[in-house]
Amino acid sequence: MEHIKAHFVNGYRDDADLIGLAVVENPYPYNPLIDGLDLMVLVILQKDSALNGTEHVQIGAERILVRTIDPSSLNEWVSGGENRNIIEWLVRGEILLDRDGYLNSVRERLLQFPDSMREQKRFTEFAGFLRTYLQAKQDLLDGNLLDAYSHVLTALHHWAHIVLVEEGRHPELTVWKQLKRVHPGIYKLYEELTVSPETLEQRVQLVMLGCEFSVMNKMKTSCSLLFNILRSREEPWSIAELQAHPSINVLHVDLSLVLQKLVQREYIREVAVMSEPGDSGALELRYMIAT
C-alpha cells in the first residue's frame, strides 16, 4: 500500500494547484465507504483546475477510487450532507500532502463540530424529516401502506440525525449504534417499526405519533439558521434570496415546504408585495419573522 501512496504523492507534489491529498483504505471487503474499491485517494485542487470527478485506476492488485474536488464543493459535501461518506473520509483518512494546513483545519473543524455547522446540519435534517414525514401521512391516507412504511423509516432516520447533532455528534458515523446510547426512546421506536409483532399499519401509526409529538416540537430549534437569516434585515425575504444565501445554498433543502410549515405555525409571516411597480395582478410572497 505504501508504494501506492508514494505514487500519488510523487504525482501531485509539484502540482501548483494542489491544496491537499488524502487516502482512505477500505476497512472491510464489503464496506461501501469507498464504493467497494480497495483504496480511495481524495485530491483537493484549486477551483479553476478541479474536475470534481471520479476515476477508477489499478496499481498492481489494488483497485483505487480517485475523487478530485475543489474546496467549495468539498464544503458543500460537508455542510449539505449530499455525500455522507465525506465525514468519515476526512476524519479517518491519512493526509499525505497538505498545503497551508487546509485538510488539517477541515478535520479539526469537523472534530470540534462548531455551532454554525450544527445549525446547518439540524436544518438539513429537519427539512428532510418534514418531507418524508408528510409523505408518509399522505401514503397512509391513500392506503399505500408499504410506501408509508418506507417514508416513515426515512423520517425516523432524519429524527435520529437531529438528536445526534444536538448532542454534538456527526450523524454520518454509525447512526443507530450511537443513538442506542444517546436516546434509547427513539431507538425503541425504530425497533417497534422494524421488528414489532404488531401489524404493519399499527407500527407505522405508532411511529407517526412519535414523530408528530417530538420532532414537530423541534421545529423552532431546528430552523434557527433560517430564523437568524430572516432577522438579519428588516425587509422581508423572497424565497430566491433565501435560497441564494451562502448559509443555505450549499444545503440542498426543500425550502418551500419548510417555509409553508413555519407560516402555518406562525413562526414567520408571509408578506405579499408587488413584484414590479404598477403590476397589481401578481403579488410576490416574501417572508419575515413573526412579531
Protein backbone atom coordinates (compact mmCIF):
# COMPACT_ATOMS: atom_id res chain seq x y z
CA MET A 1 0.00 0.00 0.00
CA GLU A 2 2.90 2.35 0.72
CA HIS A 3 4.07 2.25 -2.89
CA ILE A 4 0.59 3.38 -3.99
CA LYS A 5 0.68 6.33 -1.59
CA ALA A 6 4.14 7.22 -2.86
CA HIS A 7 2.86 7.06 -6.45
CA PHE A 8 0.21 9.75 -5.79
CA VAL A 9 2.48 11.87 -3.60
CA ASN A 10 5.09 11.96 -6.37
CA GLY A 11 2.43 12.70 -8.95
CA TYR A 12 0.98 15.70 -7.11
CA ARG A 13 3.85 17.05 -5.01
CA ASP A 14 4.87 19.65 -7.61
CA ASP A 15 1.35 20.50 -8.79
CA ALA A 16 0.87 24.21 -8.07
CA ASP A 17 -2.92 23.74 -7.98
CA LEU A 18 -2.84 21.05 -5.30
CA ILE A 19 -4.31 22.03 -1.94
CA GLY A 20 -4.45 18.64 -0.23
CA LEU A 21 -4.09 14.91 -0.77
CA ALA A 22 -5.52 12.18 1.48
CA VAL A 23 -6.07 8.43 1.27
CA VAL A 24 -8.66 6.17 2.88
CA GLU A 25 -8.26 2.40 2.99
CA ASN A 26 -11.34 0.20 2.79
CA PRO A 27 -11.73 -1.33 6.27
CA TYR A 28 -13.76 -4.37 5.18
CA PRO A 29 -14.25 -6.18 1.84
CA TYR A 30 -17.93 -5.25 1.51
CA ASN A 31 -17.88 -1.83 3.16
CA PRO A 32 -19.37 0.79 0.79
CA LEU A 33 -17.34 3.59 2.40
CA ILE A 34 -15.25 3.96 -0.76
CA ASP A 35 -17.66 2.34 -3.20
CA GLY A 36 -16.26 -1.17 -2.80
CA LEU A 37 -12.72 -0.44 -4.00
CA ASP A 38 -9.53 -1.08 -2.01
CA LEU A 39 -8.31 2.47 -1.56
CA MET A 40 -9.63 5.96 -2.11
CA VAL A 41 -7.50 8.98 -2.96
CA LEU A 42 -9.06 12.37 -2.26
CA VAL A 43 -7.44 15.15 -4.30
CA ILE A 44 -8.25 18.78 -3.41
CA LEU A 45 -7.35 21.22 -6.20
CA GLN A 46 -7.88 24.90 -6.85
CA LYS A 47 -11.33 25.59 -8.30
CA ASP A 48 -10.09 26.50 -11.77
CA SER A 49 -8.34 23.17 -12.24
CA ALA A 50 -10.53 20.79 -10.22
CA LEU A 51 -12.71 18.49 -12.27
CA ASN A 52 -14.91 17.37 -9.34
CA GLY A 53 -14.69 13.98 -10.96
CA THR A 54 -14.35 10.28 -10.25
CA GLU A 55 -11.75 7.92 -11.63
CA HIS A 56 -11.07 4.21 -11.12
CA VAL A 57 -7.47 3.05 -11.52
CA GLN A 58 -5.49 -0.08 -10.72
CA ILE A 59 -1.95 -0.26 -9.40
CA GLY A 60 -0.73 -3.81 -9.02
CA ALA A 61 -3.57 -5.81 -7.49
CA GLU A 62 -5.17 -2.79 -5.80
CA ARG A 63 -8.24 -1.04 -7.23
CA ILE A 64 -8.31 2.66 -6.41
CA LEU A 65 -11.06 5.29 -6.38
CA VAL A 66 -9.74 8.78 -7.13
CA ARG A 67 -12.05 11.69 -6.22
CA THR A 68 -11.00 15.15 -7.38
CA ILE A 69 -12.74 18.16 -5.89
CA ASP A 70 -12.29 21.86 -5.14
CA PRO A 71 -12.67 23.43 -1.65
CA SER A 72 -16.05 25.00 -2.45
CA SER A 73 -17.57 21.67 -3.48
CA LEU A 74 -15.95 19.95 -0.51
CA ASN A 75 -17.66 22.47 1.76
CA GLU A 76 -20.99 21.66 0.09
CA TRP A 77 -20.43 17.97 0.77
CA VAL A 78 -19.61 18.62 4.42
CA SER A 79 -22.43 21.12 5.02
CA GLY A 80 -25.20 19.72 2.88
CA GLY A 81 -24.96 16.01 3.55
CA GLU A 82 -25.06 15.28 -0.18
CA ASN A 83 -22.15 12.88 0.26
CA ARG A 84 -22.47 11.39 3.75
CA ASN A 85 -19.21 9.42 3.48
CA ILE A 86 -17.20 12.64 3.33
CA ILE A 87 -17.14 12.95 7.13
CA GLU A 88 -15.53 9.52 7.50
CA TRP A 89 -13.14 10.21 4.64
CA LEU A 90 -11.88 13.38 6.29
CA VAL A 91 -11.80 12.05 9.85
CA ARG A 92 -10.31 8.62 9.13
CA GLY A 93 -8.20 9.40 6.09
CA GLU A 94 -4.43 9.67 6.13
CA ILE A 95 -3.27 13.11 4.99
CA LEU A 96 -0.34 12.78 2.59
CA LEU A 97 0.04 16.37 1.36
CA ASP A 98 -1.49 19.42 2.99
CA ARG A 99 -0.58 22.80 1.56
CA ASP A 100 -1.08 25.60 4.11
CA GLY A 101 -2.70 23.12 6.54
CA TYR A 102 -6.02 23.12 4.70
CA LEU A 103 -7.01 19.49 5.30
CA ASN A 104 -5.92 19.58 8.93
CA SER A 105 -8.07 22.67 9.51
CA VAL A 106 -11.07 20.98 7.89
CA ARG A 107 -10.56 17.88 10.05
CA GLU A 108 -10.19 19.98 13.19
CA ARG A 109 -13.42 21.82 12.40
CA LEU A 110 -15.26 18.53 11.89
CA LEU A 111 -13.98 17.16 15.19
CA GLN A 112 -14.97 20.34 17.03
CA PHE A 113 -18.36 20.41 15.24
CA PRO A 114 -18.96 24.15 15.84
CA ASP A 115 -22.41 25.67 16.36
CA SER A 116 -22.57 27.09 12.81
CA MET A 117 -22.08 23.61 11.33
CA ARG A 118 -24.61 22.10 13.76
CA GLU A 119 -27.18 24.71 12.72
CA GLN A 120 -26.79 23.76 9.08
CA LYS A 121 -26.99 20.03 9.86
CA ARG A 122 -30.10 20.43 12.04
CA PHE A 123 -31.85 22.46 9.37
CA THR A 124 -30.95 20.00 6.62
CA GLU A 125 -32.15 17.01 8.63
CA PHE A 126 -35.36 18.77 9.70
CA ALA A 127 -36.19 19.65 6.09
CA GLY A 128 -35.63 16.03 5.13
CA PHE A 129 -37.73 14.84 8.05
CA LEU A 130 -40.59 17.17 7.17
CA ARG A 131 -40.74 16.00 3.56
CA THR A 132 -40.71 12.27 4.35
CA TYR A 133 -43.00 12.52 7.39
CA LEU A 134 -45.69 14.41 5.47
CA GLN A 135 -45.35 11.99 2.56
CA ALA A 136 -45.88 9.09 4.98
CA LYS A 137 -49.05 10.75 6.27
CA GLN A 138 -50.35 11.10 2.72
CA ASP A 139 -49.42 7.49 1.95
CA LEU A 140 -51.50 6.33 4.92
CA LEU A 141 -54.48 8.38 3.76
CA ASP A 142 -54.13 6.91 0.27
CA GLY A 143 -53.89 3.36 1.61
CA ASN A 144 -50.32 2.91 0.34
CA LEU A 145 -49.04 1.11 3.42
CA LEU A 146 -45.66 -0.07 2.15
CA ASP A 147 -44.86 3.43 0.85
CA ALA A 148 -45.89 4.84 4.23
CA TYR A 149 -43.54 2.37 5.96
CA SER A 150 -40.65 3.33 3.67
CA HIS A 151 -41.16 7.07 4.17
CA VAL A 152 -41.68 6.90 7.94
CA LEU A 153 -38.50 4.84 8.27
CA THR A 154 -36.60 7.57 6.41
CA ALA A 155 -38.27 10.22 8.61
CA LEU A 156 -37.12 8.27 11.68
CA HIS A 157 -33.55 8.37 10.38
CA HIS A 158 -33.77 12.16 9.99
CA TRP A 159 -35.14 12.43 13.54
CA ALA A 160 -32.23 10.33 14.82
CA HIS A 161 -29.80 12.61 12.99
CA ILE A 162 -31.35 15.72 14.57
CA VAL A 163 -30.90 14.26 18.05
CA LEU A 164 -27.29 13.26 17.38
CA VAL A 165 -26.47 16.74 16.05
CA GLU A 166 -28.00 18.24 19.21
CA GLU A 167 -25.62 16.01 21.19
CA GLY A 168 -22.65 17.32 19.19
CA ARG A 169 -22.17 14.09 17.23
CA HIS A 170 -21.87 13.67 13.47
CA PRO A 171 -24.86 11.56 12.36
CA GLU A 172 -22.96 10.10 9.43
CA LEU A 173 -20.98 7.77 11.70
CA THR A 174 -22.83 4.62 12.91
CA VAL A 175 -26.23 6.24 13.49
CA TRP A 176 -28.18 3.59 15.39
CA LYS A 177 -25.22 2.39 17.43
CA GLN A 178 -24.74 5.96 18.66
CA LEU A 179 -28.44 6.55 19.16
CA LYS A 180 -28.99 3.48 21.35
CA ARG A 181 -26.70 5.14 23.91
CA VAL A 182 -27.79 8.73 23.40
CA HIS A 183 -31.57 8.42 23.04
CA PRO A 184 -32.93 4.90 23.75
CA GLY A 185 -36.51 6.15 23.26
CA ILE A 186 -36.01 6.78 19.53
CA TYR A 187 -34.10 3.52 19.23
CA LYS A 188 -37.11 1.77 20.78
CA LEU A 189 -39.38 3.34 18.15
CA TYR A 190 -37.01 2.08 15.47
CA GLU A 191 -37.32 -1.43 16.89
CA GLU A 192 -41.10 -1.09 17.11
CA LEU A 193 -41.24 -0.14 13.44
CA THR A 194 -38.90 -2.86 12.19
CA VAL A 195 -39.37 -5.93 14.42
CA SER A 196 -42.60 -5.47 16.43
CA PRO A 197 -45.25 -8.24 16.14
CA GLU A 198 -47.95 -5.60 15.58
CA THR A 199 -49.43 -5.18 12.11
CA LEU A 200 -47.52 -3.00 9.67
CA GLU A 201 -50.22 -0.30 9.82
CA GLN A 202 -50.11 -0.23 13.64
CA ARG A 203 -46.33 0.08 13.61
CA VAL A 204 -46.38 2.94 11.11
CA GLN A 205 -49.09 4.79 13.05
CA LEU A 206 -47.17 4.40 16.32
CA VAL A 207 -44.03 5.95 14.84
CA MET A 208 -46.07 8.69 13.15
CA LEU A 209 -47.47 9.66 16.56
CA GLY A 210 -43.97 9.82 17.98
CA CYS A 211 -42.79 11.95 15.07
CA GLU A 212 -45.75 14.32 15.38
CA PHE A 213 -45.26 14.85 19.10
CA SER A 214 -41.48 15.01 19.36
CA VAL A 215 -40.00 16.27 16.14
CA MET A 216 -42.54 18.99 15.39
CA ASN A 217 -41.63 20.40 18.79
CA LYS A 218 -38.07 20.71 17.48
CA MET A 219 -39.17 22.89 14.58
CA LYS A 220 -38.11 26.15 16.20
CA THR A 221 -34.65 25.00 17.27
CA SER A 222 -34.04 23.05 14.06
CA CYS A 223 -34.82 26.12 11.94
CA SER A 224 -32.65 28.57 13.92
CA LEU A 225 -30.40 29.01 10.87
CA LEU A 226 -33.34 30.29 8.81
CA PHE A 227 -34.66 32.48 11.64
CA ASN A 228 -31.27 34.15 12.06
CA ILE A 229 -31.16 34.95 8.34
CA LEU A 230 -34.69 36.40 8.39
CA ARG A 231 -33.77 38.56 11.40
CA SER A 232 -30.66 39.92 9.71
CA ARG A 233 -32.63 42.67 7.95
CA GLU A 234 -35.95 44.44 8.34
CA GLU A 235 -37.20 43.83 4.79
CA PRO A 236 -38.94 40.52 4.05
CA TRP A 237 -37.04 37.92 2.05
CA SER A 238 -38.09 36.26 -1.20
CA ILE A 239 -37.53 32.53 -1.45
CA ALA A 240 -34.97 33.15 -4.20
CA GLU A 241 -32.97 35.40 -1.86
CA LEU A 242 -33.11 32.80 0.91
CA GLN A 243 -32.03 30.01 -1.41
CA ALA A 244 -29.11 32.11 -2.62
CA HIS A 245 -27.90 32.89 0.90
CA PRO A 246 -24.41 31.39 1.41
CA SER A 247 -25.51 29.52 4.56
CA ILE A 248 -28.39 27.81 2.71
CA ASN A 249 -27.35 27.42 -0.93
CA VAL A 250 -24.97 24.58 -0.06
CA LEU A 251 -27.60 22.55 1.81
CA HIS A 252 -29.89 21.27 -0.97
CA VAL A 253 -33.02 21.53 1.20
CA ASP A 254 -36.70 21.75 0.26
CA LEU A 255 -37.06 25.34 1.43
CA SER A 256 -40.60 25.89 0.11
CA LEU A 257 -42.08 23.18 2.31
CA VAL A 258 -40.24 24.40 5.41
CA LEU A 259 -41.37 27.98 4.84
CA GLN A 260 -45.01 26.96 4.47
CA LYS A 261 -44.91 24.92 7.68
CA LEU A 262 -43.30 27.80 9.57
CA VAL A 263 -46.03 30.13 8.29
CA GLN A 264 -48.72 27.68 9.43
CA ARG A 265 -47.12 27.51 12.88
CA GLU A 266 -46.94 31.35 12.91
CA TYR A 267 -43.19 31.38 13.49
CA ILE A 268 -42.80 33.52 10.36
CA ARG A 269 -45.12 35.78 8.36
CA GLU A 270 -45.97 35.79 4.69
CA VAL A 271 -45.93 39.24 3.09
CA ALA A 272 -47.41 39.85 -0.38
CA VAL A 273 -45.64 42.56 -2.38
CA MET A 274 -45.90 43.77 -5.95
CA SER A 275 -43.22 42.01 -7.95
CA GLU A 276 -42.93 45.01 -10.30
CA PRO A 277 -44.10 48.60 -9.81
CA GLY A 278 -47.61 49.05 -11.12
CA ASP A 279 -48.25 45.33 -11.56
CA SER A 280 -51.12 44.51 -9.21
CA GLY A 281 -52.02 41.27 -10.98
CA ALA A 282 -49.28 39.10 -9.47
CA LEU A 283 -48.01 39.55 -5.94
CA GLU A 284 -44.76 38.01 -4.77
CA LEU A 285 -44.78 36.21 -1.43
CA ARG A 286 -41.94 37.14 0.90
CA TYR A 287 -41.11 36.05 4.41
CA MET A 288 -40.13 37.67 7.70
CA ILE A 289 -40.03 36.78 11.38
CA ALA A 290 -43.44 36.92 13.09
CA THR A 291 -43.58 39.58 15.79
